[in-house]
Full PDB file with SEQRES, HELIX, SHEET, SSBOND, CRYST1, ORIGX, SCALE, CONECT and MASTER records, all heavy atoms in Angstrom:
SEQRES   1 A   31  ALA VAL ASP ARG CYS ARG GLN ALA VAL GLN THR ARG ARG          
SEQRES   2 A   31  ARG LEU LEU ILE GLY VAL ILE ASN ALA ALA LYS ILE VAL          
SEQRES   3 A   31  ASN LEU GLN SER ASP                                          
HELIX    1 AA1 VAL A    2  THR A   11  1                                  10    
HELIX    2 AA2 ALA A   22  ASN A   27  1                                   6    
CRYST1    1.000    1.000    1.000  90.00  90.00  90.00 P 1           1          
ORIGX1      1.000000  0.000000  0.000000        0.00000                         
ORIGX2      0.000000  1.000000  0.000000        0.00000                         
ORIGX3      0.000000  0.000000  1.000000        0.00000                         
SCALE1      1.000000  0.000000  0.000000        0.00000                         
SCALE2      0.000000  1.000000  0.000000        0.00000                         
SCALE3      0.000000  0.000000  1.000000        0.00000                         
ATOM      1  N   ALA A   1       0.829  -1.205   0.000  1.00  0.00           N  
ATOM      2  CA  ALA A   1       0.000   0.000   0.000  1.00  0.00           C  
ATOM      3  C   ALA A   1       0.862   1.254   0.000  1.00  0.00           C  
ATOM      4  O   ALA A   1       0.608   2.216  -0.736  1.00  0.00           O  
ATOM      5  CB  ALA A   1      -0.931  -0.001   1.222  1.00  0.00           C  
ATOM      6  N   VAL A   2       1.915   1.253   0.820  1.00  0.00           N  
ATOM      7  CA  VAL A   2       2.826   2.401   0.878  1.00  0.00           C  
ATOM      8  C   VAL A   2       3.526   2.580  -0.463  1.00  0.00           C  
ATOM      9  O   VAL A   2       3.715   3.705  -0.941  1.00  0.00           O  
ATOM     10  CB  VAL A   2       3.854   2.220   2.009  1.00  0.00           C  
ATOM     11  CG1 VAL A   2       4.905   3.327   1.965  1.00  0.00           C  
ATOM     12  CG2 VAL A   2       3.158   2.217   3.361  1.00  0.00           C  
ATOM     13  N   ASP A   3       3.908   1.472  -1.086  1.00  0.00           N  
ATOM     14  CA  ASP A   3       4.596   1.561  -2.370  1.00  0.00           C  
ATOM     15  C   ASP A   3       3.688   2.163  -3.436  1.00  0.00           C  
ATOM     16  O   ASP A   3       4.135   2.951  -4.278  1.00  0.00           O  
ATOM     17  CB  ASP A   3       5.067   0.174  -2.805  1.00  0.00           C  
ATOM     18  CG  ASP A   3       5.977   0.234  -4.029  1.00  0.00           C  
ATOM     19  OD1 ASP A   3       7.017   0.918  -3.952  1.00  0.00           O  
ATOM     20  OD2 ASP A   3       5.642  -0.380  -5.057  1.00  0.00           O  
ATOM     21  N   ARG A   4       2.421   1.827  -3.403  1.00  0.00           N  
ATOM     22  CA  ARG A   4       1.487   2.420  -4.366  1.00  0.00           C  
ATOM     23  C   ARG A   4       1.362   3.928  -4.142  1.00  0.00           C  
ATOM     24  O   ARG A   4       1.245   4.701  -5.097  1.00  0.00           O  
ATOM     25  CB  ARG A   4       0.114   1.755  -4.251  1.00  0.00           C  
ATOM     26  CG  ARG A   4       0.064   0.341  -4.801  1.00  0.00           C  
ATOM     27  CD  ARG A   4      -1.346  -0.200  -4.841  1.00  0.00           C  
ATOM     28  NE  ARG A   4      -2.192   0.546  -5.773  1.00  0.00           N  
ATOM     29  CZ  ARG A   4      -3.476   0.294  -5.961  1.00  0.00           C  
ATOM     30  NH1 ARG A   4      -4.070  -0.668  -5.280  1.00  0.00           N  
ATOM     31  NH2 ARG A   4      -4.187   1.008  -6.806  1.00  0.00           N  
ATOM     32  N   CYS A   5       1.405   4.340  -2.890  1.00  0.00           N  
ATOM     33  CA  CYS A   5       1.354   5.776  -2.579  1.00  0.00           C  
ATOM     34  C   CYS A   5       2.622   6.468  -3.067  1.00  0.00           C  
ATOM     35  O   CYS A   5       2.565   7.591  -3.595  1.00  0.00           O  
ATOM     36  CB  CYS A   5       1.190   5.984  -1.078  1.00  0.00           C  
ATOM     37  SG  CYS A   5      -0.401   5.414  -0.428  1.00  0.00           S  
ATOM     38  N   ARG A   6       3.758   5.816  -2.895  1.00  0.00           N  
ATOM     39  CA  ARG A   6       5.029   6.376  -3.365  1.00  0.00           C  
ATOM     40  C   ARG A   6       4.988   6.591  -4.880  1.00  0.00           C  
ATOM     41  O   ARG A   6       5.388   7.646  -5.393  1.00  0.00           O  
ATOM     42  CB  ARG A   6       6.180   5.432  -2.997  1.00  0.00           C  
ATOM     43  CG  ARG A   6       7.561   5.937  -3.470  1.00  0.00           C  
ATOM     44  CD  ARG A   6       8.652   4.919  -3.210  1.00  0.00           C  
ATOM     45  NE  ARG A   6       8.827   4.657  -1.780  1.00  0.00           N  
ATOM     46  CZ  ARG A   6       8.457   3.558  -1.164  1.00  0.00           C  
ATOM     47  NH1 ARG A   6       7.869   2.575  -1.850  1.00  0.00           N  
ATOM     48  NH2 ARG A   6       8.673   3.404   0.129  1.00  0.00           N  
ATOM     49  N   GLN A   7       4.469   5.612  -5.592  1.00  0.00           N  
ATOM     50  CA  GLN A   7       4.371   5.723  -7.049  1.00  0.00           C  
ATOM     51  C   GLN A   7       3.407   6.828  -7.453  1.00  0.00           C  
ATOM     52  O   GLN A   7       3.641   7.542  -8.442  1.00  0.00           O  
ATOM     53  CB  GLN A   7       3.918   4.384  -7.633  1.00  0.00           C  
ATOM     54  CG  GLN A   7       4.927   3.248  -7.474  1.00  0.00           C  
ATOM     55  CD  GLN A   7       4.384   1.928  -7.988  1.00  0.00           C  
ATOM     56  OE1 GLN A   7       3.495   1.894  -8.840  1.00  0.00           O  
ATOM     57  NE2 GLN A   7       4.902   0.832  -7.461  1.00  0.00           N  
ATOM     58  N   ALA A   8       2.323   6.980  -6.704  1.00  0.00           N  
ATOM     59  CA  ALA A   8       1.336   8.021  -7.032  1.00  0.00           C  
ATOM     60  C   ALA A   8       1.953   9.407  -6.925  1.00  0.00           C  
ATOM     61  O   ALA A   8       1.704  10.273  -7.778  1.00  0.00           O  
ATOM     62  CB  ALA A   8       0.136   7.900  -6.094  1.00  0.00           C  
ATOM     63  N   VAL A   9       2.751   9.635  -5.884  1.00  0.00           N  
ATOM     64  CA  VAL A   9       3.399  10.944  -5.726  1.00  0.00           C  
ATOM     65  C   VAL A   9       4.404  11.171  -6.840  1.00  0.00           C  
ATOM     66  O   VAL A   9       4.484  12.267  -7.411  1.00  0.00           O  
ATOM     67  CB  VAL A   9       4.075  11.053  -4.346  1.00  0.00           C  
ATOM     68  CG1 VAL A   9       4.865  12.360  -4.246  1.00  0.00           C  
ATOM     69  CG2 VAL A   9       3.041  10.990  -3.230  1.00  0.00           C  
ATOM     70  N   GLN A  10       5.158  10.150  -7.168  1.00  0.00           N  
ATOM     71  CA  GLN A  10       6.181  10.277  -8.214  1.00  0.00           C  
ATOM     72  C   GLN A  10       5.576  10.595  -9.571  1.00  0.00           C  
ATOM     73  O   GLN A  10       6.125  11.383 -10.340  1.00  0.00           O  
ATOM     74  CB  GLN A  10       7.011   8.993  -8.282  1.00  0.00           C  
ATOM     75  CG  GLN A  10       7.916   8.768  -7.082  1.00  0.00           C  
ATOM     76  CD  GLN A  10       8.632   7.430  -7.131  1.00  0.00           C  
ATOM     77  OE1 GLN A  10       8.288   6.540  -7.929  1.00  0.00           O  
ATOM     78  NE2 GLN A  10       9.628   7.251  -6.273  1.00  0.00           N  
ATOM     79  N   THR A  11       4.434   9.982  -9.869  1.00  0.00           N  
ATOM     80  CA  THR A  11       3.803  10.165 -11.181  1.00  0.00           C  
ATOM     81  C   THR A  11       2.753  11.270 -11.177  1.00  0.00           C  
ATOM     82  O   THR A  11       2.226  11.617 -12.241  1.00  0.00           O  
ATOM     83  CB  THR A  11       3.136   8.854 -11.637  1.00  0.00           C  
ATOM     84  OG1 THR A  11       2.132   8.478 -10.680  1.00  0.00           O  
ATOM     85  CG2 THR A  11       4.172   7.735 -11.742  1.00  0.00           C  
ATOM     86  N   ARG A  12       2.442  11.809  -9.961  1.00  0.00           N  
ATOM     87  CA  ARG A  12       1.385  12.814  -9.799  1.00  0.00           C  
ATOM     88  C   ARG A  12       0.042  12.268 -10.282  1.00  0.00           C  
ATOM     89  O   ARG A  12      -0.807  12.998 -10.789  1.00  0.00           O  
ATOM     90  CB  ARG A  12       1.720  14.108 -10.541  1.00  0.00           C  
ATOM     91  CG  ARG A  12       3.023  14.754 -10.150  1.00  0.00           C  
ATOM     92  CD  ARG A  12       3.087  15.133  -8.692  1.00  0.00           C  
ATOM     93  NE  ARG A  12       2.075  16.102  -8.304  1.00  0.00           N  
ATOM     94  CZ  ARG A  12       1.936  16.562  -7.055  1.00  0.00           C  
ATOM     95  NH1 ARG A  12       2.741  16.113  -6.083  1.00  0.00           N  
ATOM     96  NH2 ARG A  12       1.003  17.468  -6.762  1.00  0.00           N  
ATOM     97  N   ARG A  13      -0.144  10.983 -10.093  1.00  0.00           N  
ATOM     98  CA  ARG A  13      -1.399  10.340 -10.474  1.00  0.00           C  
ATOM     99  C   ARG A  13      -2.233  10.109  -9.225  1.00  0.00           C  
ATOM    100  O   ARG A  13      -1.734   9.588  -8.235  1.00  0.00           O  
ATOM    101  CB  ARG A  13      -1.120   9.005 -11.167  1.00  0.00           C  
ATOM    102  CG  ARG A  13      -2.372   8.318 -11.700  1.00  0.00           C  
ATOM    103  CD  ARG A  13      -2.002   7.075 -12.478  1.00  0.00           C  
ATOM    104  NE  ARG A  13      -3.176   6.412 -13.033  1.00  0.00           N  
ATOM    105  CZ  ARG A  13      -3.128   5.312 -13.779  1.00  0.00           C  
ATOM    106  NH1 ARG A  13      -1.948   4.760 -14.054  1.00  0.00           N  
ATOM    107  NH2 ARG A  13      -4.236   4.774 -14.255  1.00  0.00           N  
ATOM    108  N   ARG A  14      -3.505  10.481  -9.278  1.00  0.00           N  
ATOM    109  CA  ARG A  14      -4.358  10.412  -8.089  1.00  0.00           C  
ATOM    110  C   ARG A  14      -4.514   8.999  -7.558  1.00  0.00           C  
ATOM    111  O   ARG A  14      -4.750   8.047  -8.311  1.00  0.00           O  
ATOM    112  CB  ARG A  14      -5.737  10.961  -8.422  1.00  0.00           C  
ATOM    113  CG  ARG A  14      -6.643  11.118  -7.206  1.00  0.00           C  
ATOM    114  CD  ARG A  14      -8.101  11.061  -7.598  1.00  0.00           C  
ATOM    115  NE  ARG A  14      -8.490   9.719  -8.006  1.00  0.00           N  
ATOM    116  CZ  ARG A  14      -9.705   9.395  -8.427  1.00  0.00           C  
ATOM    117  NH1 ARG A  14     -10.623  10.328  -8.519  1.00  0.00           N  
ATOM    118  NH2 ARG A  14     -10.005   8.162  -8.775  1.00  0.00           N  
ATOM    119  N   LEU A  15      -4.392   8.882  -6.238  1.00  0.00           N  
ATOM    120  CA  LEU A  15      -4.659   7.626  -5.548  1.00  0.00           C  
ATOM    121  C   LEU A  15      -5.585   7.943  -4.372  1.00  0.00           C  
ATOM    122  O   LEU A  15      -5.145   8.411  -3.321  1.00  0.00           O  
ATOM    123  CB  LEU A  15      -3.364   6.974  -5.052  1.00  0.00           C  
ATOM    124  CG  LEU A  15      -3.530   5.618  -4.357  1.00  0.00           C  
ATOM    125  CD1 LEU A  15      -4.041   4.574  -5.359  1.00  0.00           C  
ATOM    126  CD2 LEU A  15      -2.218   5.152  -3.747  1.00  0.00           C  
ATOM    127  N   LEU A  16      -6.852   7.716  -4.573  1.00  0.00           N  
ATOM    128  CA  LEU A  16      -7.860   7.959  -3.545  1.00  0.00           C  
ATOM    129  C   LEU A  16      -7.989   6.699  -2.697  1.00  0.00           C  
ATOM    130  O   LEU A  16      -8.360   5.637  -3.199  1.00  0.00           O  
ATOM    131  CB  LEU A  16      -9.200   8.318  -4.195  1.00  0.00           C  
ATOM    132  CG  LEU A  16     -10.393   8.522  -3.263  1.00  0.00           C  
ATOM    133  CD1 LEU A  16     -10.112   9.612  -2.245  1.00  0.00           C  
ATOM    134  CD2 LEU A  16     -11.638   8.844  -4.082  1.00  0.00           C  
ATOM    135  N   ILE A  17      -7.660   6.821  -1.414  1.00  0.00           N  
ATOM    136  CA  ILE A  17      -7.625   5.669  -0.508  1.00  0.00           C  
ATOM    137  C   ILE A  17      -8.904   5.610   0.317  1.00  0.00           C  
ATOM    138  O   ILE A  17      -9.361   6.617   0.855  1.00  0.00           O  
ATOM    139  CB  ILE A  17      -6.416   5.758   0.441  1.00  0.00           C  
ATOM    140  CG1 ILE A  17      -5.113   5.858  -0.367  1.00  0.00           C  
ATOM    141  CG2 ILE A  17      -6.364   4.553   1.375  1.00  0.00           C  
ATOM    142  CD1 ILE A  17      -3.906   6.207   0.482  1.00  0.00           C  
ATOM    143  N   GLY A  18      -9.458   4.425   0.420  1.00  0.00           N  
ATOM    144  CA  GLY A  18     -10.610   4.208   1.279  1.00  0.00           C  
ATOM    145  C   GLY A  18     -10.338   3.042   2.207  1.00  0.00           C  
ATOM    146  O   GLY A  18      -9.575   2.127   1.861  1.00  0.00           O  
ATOM    147  N   VAL A  19     -10.913   3.073   3.390  1.00  0.00           N  
ATOM    148  CA  VAL A  19     -10.769   1.961   4.332  1.00  0.00           C  
ATOM    149  C   VAL A  19     -12.153   1.547   4.810  1.00  0.00           C  
ATOM    150  O   VAL A  19     -13.053   2.384   4.947  1.00  0.00           O  
ATOM    151  CB  VAL A  19      -9.878   2.330   5.538  1.00  0.00           C  
ATOM    152  CG1 VAL A  19      -8.459   2.633   5.079  1.00  0.00           C  
ATOM    153  CG2 VAL A  19     -10.438   3.528   6.303  1.00  0.00           C  
ATOM    154  N   ILE A  20     -12.323   0.255   5.059  1.00  0.00           N  
ATOM    155  CA  ILE A  20     -13.622  -0.243   5.501  1.00  0.00           C  
ATOM    156  C   ILE A  20     -13.477  -1.060   6.779  1.00  0.00           C  
ATOM    157  O   ILE A  20     -12.451  -1.698   7.017  1.00  0.00           O  
ATOM    158  CB  ILE A  20     -14.314  -1.096   4.415  1.00  0.00           C  
ATOM    159  CG1 ILE A  20     -13.422  -2.270   3.986  1.00  0.00           C  
ATOM    160  CG2 ILE A  20     -14.696  -0.243   3.224  1.00  0.00           C  
ATOM    161  CD1 ILE A  20     -14.136  -3.261   3.084  1.00  0.00           C  
ATOM    162  N   ASN A  21     -14.516  -0.992   7.582  1.00  0.00           N  
ATOM    163  CA  ASN A  21     -14.608  -1.808   8.783  1.00  0.00           C  
ATOM    164  C   ASN A  21     -16.054  -2.286   8.899  1.00  0.00           C  
ATOM    165  O   ASN A  21     -16.877  -2.042   8.005  1.00  0.00           O  
ATOM    166  CB  ASN A  21     -14.169  -1.013  10.021  1.00  0.00           C  
ATOM    167  CG  ASN A  21     -14.913   0.312  10.139  1.00  0.00           C  
ATOM    168  OD1 ASN A  21     -16.034   0.474   9.657  1.00  0.00           O  
ATOM    169  ND2 ASN A  21     -14.281   1.298  10.769  1.00  0.00           N  
ATOM    170  N   ALA A  22     -16.367  -2.951   9.989  1.00  0.00           N  
ATOM    171  CA  ALA A  22     -17.716  -3.500  10.145  1.00  0.00           C  
ATOM    172  C   ALA A  22     -18.777  -2.408  10.090  1.00  0.00           C  
ATOM    173  O   ALA A  22     -19.832  -2.575   9.458  1.00  0.00           O  
ATOM    174  CB  ALA A  22     -17.806  -4.265  11.461  1.00  0.00           C  
ATOM    175  N   ALA A  23     -18.512  -1.277  10.748  1.00  0.00           N  
ATOM    176  CA  ALA A  23     -19.498  -0.196  10.792  1.00  0.00           C  
ATOM    177  C   ALA A  23     -19.804   0.342   9.398  1.00  0.00           C  
ATOM    178  O   ALA A  23     -20.970   0.596   9.057  1.00  0.00           O  
ATOM    179  CB  ALA A  23     -18.995   0.921  11.698  1.00  0.00           C  
ATOM    180  N   LYS A  24     -18.773   0.526   8.584  1.00  0.00           N  
ATOM    181  CA  LYS A  24     -19.010   1.047   7.235  1.00  0.00           C  
ATOM    182  C   LYS A  24     -19.767   0.042   6.380  1.00  0.00           C  
ATOM    183  O   LYS A  24     -20.625   0.433   5.570  1.00  0.00           O  
ATOM    184  CB  LYS A  24     -17.681   1.416   6.575  1.00  0.00           C  
ATOM    185  CG  LYS A  24     -17.088   2.715   7.049  1.00  0.00           C  
ATOM    186  CD  LYS A  24     -15.882   3.096   6.204  1.00  0.00           C  
ATOM    187  CE  LYS A  24     -15.190   4.319   6.765  1.00  0.00           C  
ATOM    188  NZ  LYS A  24     -13.988   4.676   5.989  1.00  0.00           N  
ATOM    189  N   ILE A  25     -19.439  -1.245   6.527  1.00  0.00           N  
ATOM    190  CA  ILE A  25     -20.157  -2.264   5.762  1.00  0.00           C  
ATOM    191  C   ILE A  25     -21.638  -2.209   6.085  1.00  0.00           C  
ATOM    192  O   ILE A  25     -22.496  -2.307   5.207  1.00  0.00           O  
ATOM    193  CB  ILE A  25     -19.591  -3.662   6.076  1.00  0.00           C  
ATOM    194  CG1 ILE A  25     -18.133  -3.783   5.597  1.00  0.00           C  
ATOM    195  CG2 ILE A  25     -20.456  -4.738   5.427  1.00  0.00           C  
ATOM    196  CD1 ILE A  25     -17.950  -3.676   4.112  1.00  0.00           C  
ATOM    197  N   VAL A  26     -21.952  -2.033   7.364  1.00  0.00           N  
ATOM    198  CA  VAL A  26     -23.349  -1.943   7.783  1.00  0.00           C  
ATOM    199  C   VAL A  26     -23.978  -0.648   7.269  1.00  0.00           C  
ATOM    200  O   VAL A  26     -25.085  -0.657   6.712  1.00  0.00           O  
ATOM    201  CB  VAL A  26     -23.460  -2.017   9.322  1.00  0.00           C  
ATOM    202  CG1 VAL A  26     -24.885  -1.721   9.774  1.00  0.00           C  
ATOM    203  CG2 VAL A  26     -23.022  -3.390   9.818  1.00  0.00           C  
ATOM    204  N   ASN A  27     -23.290   0.462   7.434  1.00  0.00           N  
ATOM    205  CA  ASN A  27     -23.865   1.764   7.074  1.00  0.00           C  
ATOM    206  C   ASN A  27     -24.072   1.943   5.582  1.00  0.00           C  
ATOM    207  O   ASN A  27     -25.019   2.622   5.155  1.00  0.00           O  
ATOM    208  CB  ASN A  27     -22.974   2.890   7.608  1.00  0.00           C  
ATOM    209  CG  ASN A  27     -22.993   2.981   9.118  1.00  0.00           C  
ATOM    210  OD1 ASN A  27     -23.944   2.530   9.764  1.00  0.00           O  
ATOM    211  ND2 ASN A  27     -21.947   3.542   9.701  1.00  0.00           N  
ATOM    212  N   LEU A  28     -23.198   1.364   4.768  1.00  0.00           N  
ATOM    213  CA  LEU A  28     -23.339   1.588   3.329  1.00  0.00           C  
ATOM    214  C   LEU A  28     -24.579   0.891   2.761  1.00  0.00           C  
ATOM    215  O   LEU A  28     -24.990   1.180   1.633  1.00  0.00           O  
ATOM    216  CB  LEU A  28     -22.066   1.170   2.583  1.00  0.00           C  
ATOM    217  CG  LEU A  28     -21.651  -0.302   2.547  1.00  0.00           C  
ATOM    218  CD1 LEU A  28     -22.382  -1.110   1.504  1.00  0.00           C  
ATOM    219  CD2 LEU A  28     -20.134  -0.389   2.278  1.00  0.00           C  
ATOM    220  N   GLN A  29     -25.154  -0.025   3.549  1.00  0.00           N  
ATOM    221  CA  GLN A  29     -26.382  -0.687   3.088  1.00  0.00           C  
ATOM    222  C   GLN A  29     -27.532   0.312   2.941  1.00  0.00           C  
ATOM    223  O   GLN A  29     -28.430   0.102   2.114  1.00  0.00           O  
ATOM    224  CB  GLN A  29     -26.791  -1.794   4.079  1.00  0.00           C  
ATOM    225  CG  GLN A  29     -25.712  -2.812   4.406  1.00  0.00           C  
ATOM    226  CD  GLN A  29     -25.178  -3.528   3.191  1.00  0.00           C  
ATOM    227  OE1 GLN A  29     -25.958  -3.980   2.347  1.00  0.00           O  
ATOM    228  NE2 GLN A  29     -23.860  -3.640   3.096  1.00  0.00           N  
ATOM    229  N   SER A  30     -27.487   1.380   3.728  1.00  0.00           N  
ATOM    230  CA  SER A  30     -28.576   2.364   3.691  1.00  0.00           C  
ATOM    231  C   SER A  30     -28.100   3.780   3.392  1.00  0.00           C  
ATOM    232  O   SER A  30     -28.883   4.726   3.486  1.00  0.00           O  
ATOM    233  CB  SER A  30     -29.309   2.363   5.045  1.00  0.00           C  
ATOM    234  OG  SER A  30     -28.409   2.644   6.104  1.00  0.00           O  
ATOM    235  N   ASP A  31     -26.824   3.915   3.057  1.00  0.00           N  
ATOM    236  CA  ASP A  31     -26.258   5.238   2.788  1.00  0.00           C  
ATOM    237  C   ASP A  31     -25.646   5.256   1.390  1.00  0.00           C  
ATOM    238  O   ASP A  31     -24.482   4.894   1.211  1.00  0.00           O  
ATOM    239  CB  ASP A  31     -25.189   5.567   3.835  1.00  0.00           C  
ATOM    240  CG  ASP A  31     -24.709   7.011   3.755  1.00  0.00           C  
ATOM    241  OD1 ASP A  31     -24.837   7.622   2.676  1.00  0.00           O  
ATOM    242  OD2 ASP A  31     -24.197   7.530   4.769  1.00  0.00           O  
TER     243      ASP A  31                                                      
MASTER        0    0    0    2    0    0    0    6  242    1    0    3          
END                                                                             
């Protein structure tokens, strides 16, 4: 994951990072 971020900065290519846990899995069902 860190290496992908390093490459994104070097190439100036966007890397939008998202993280999920139990709460988000539940919430996205209705959001």
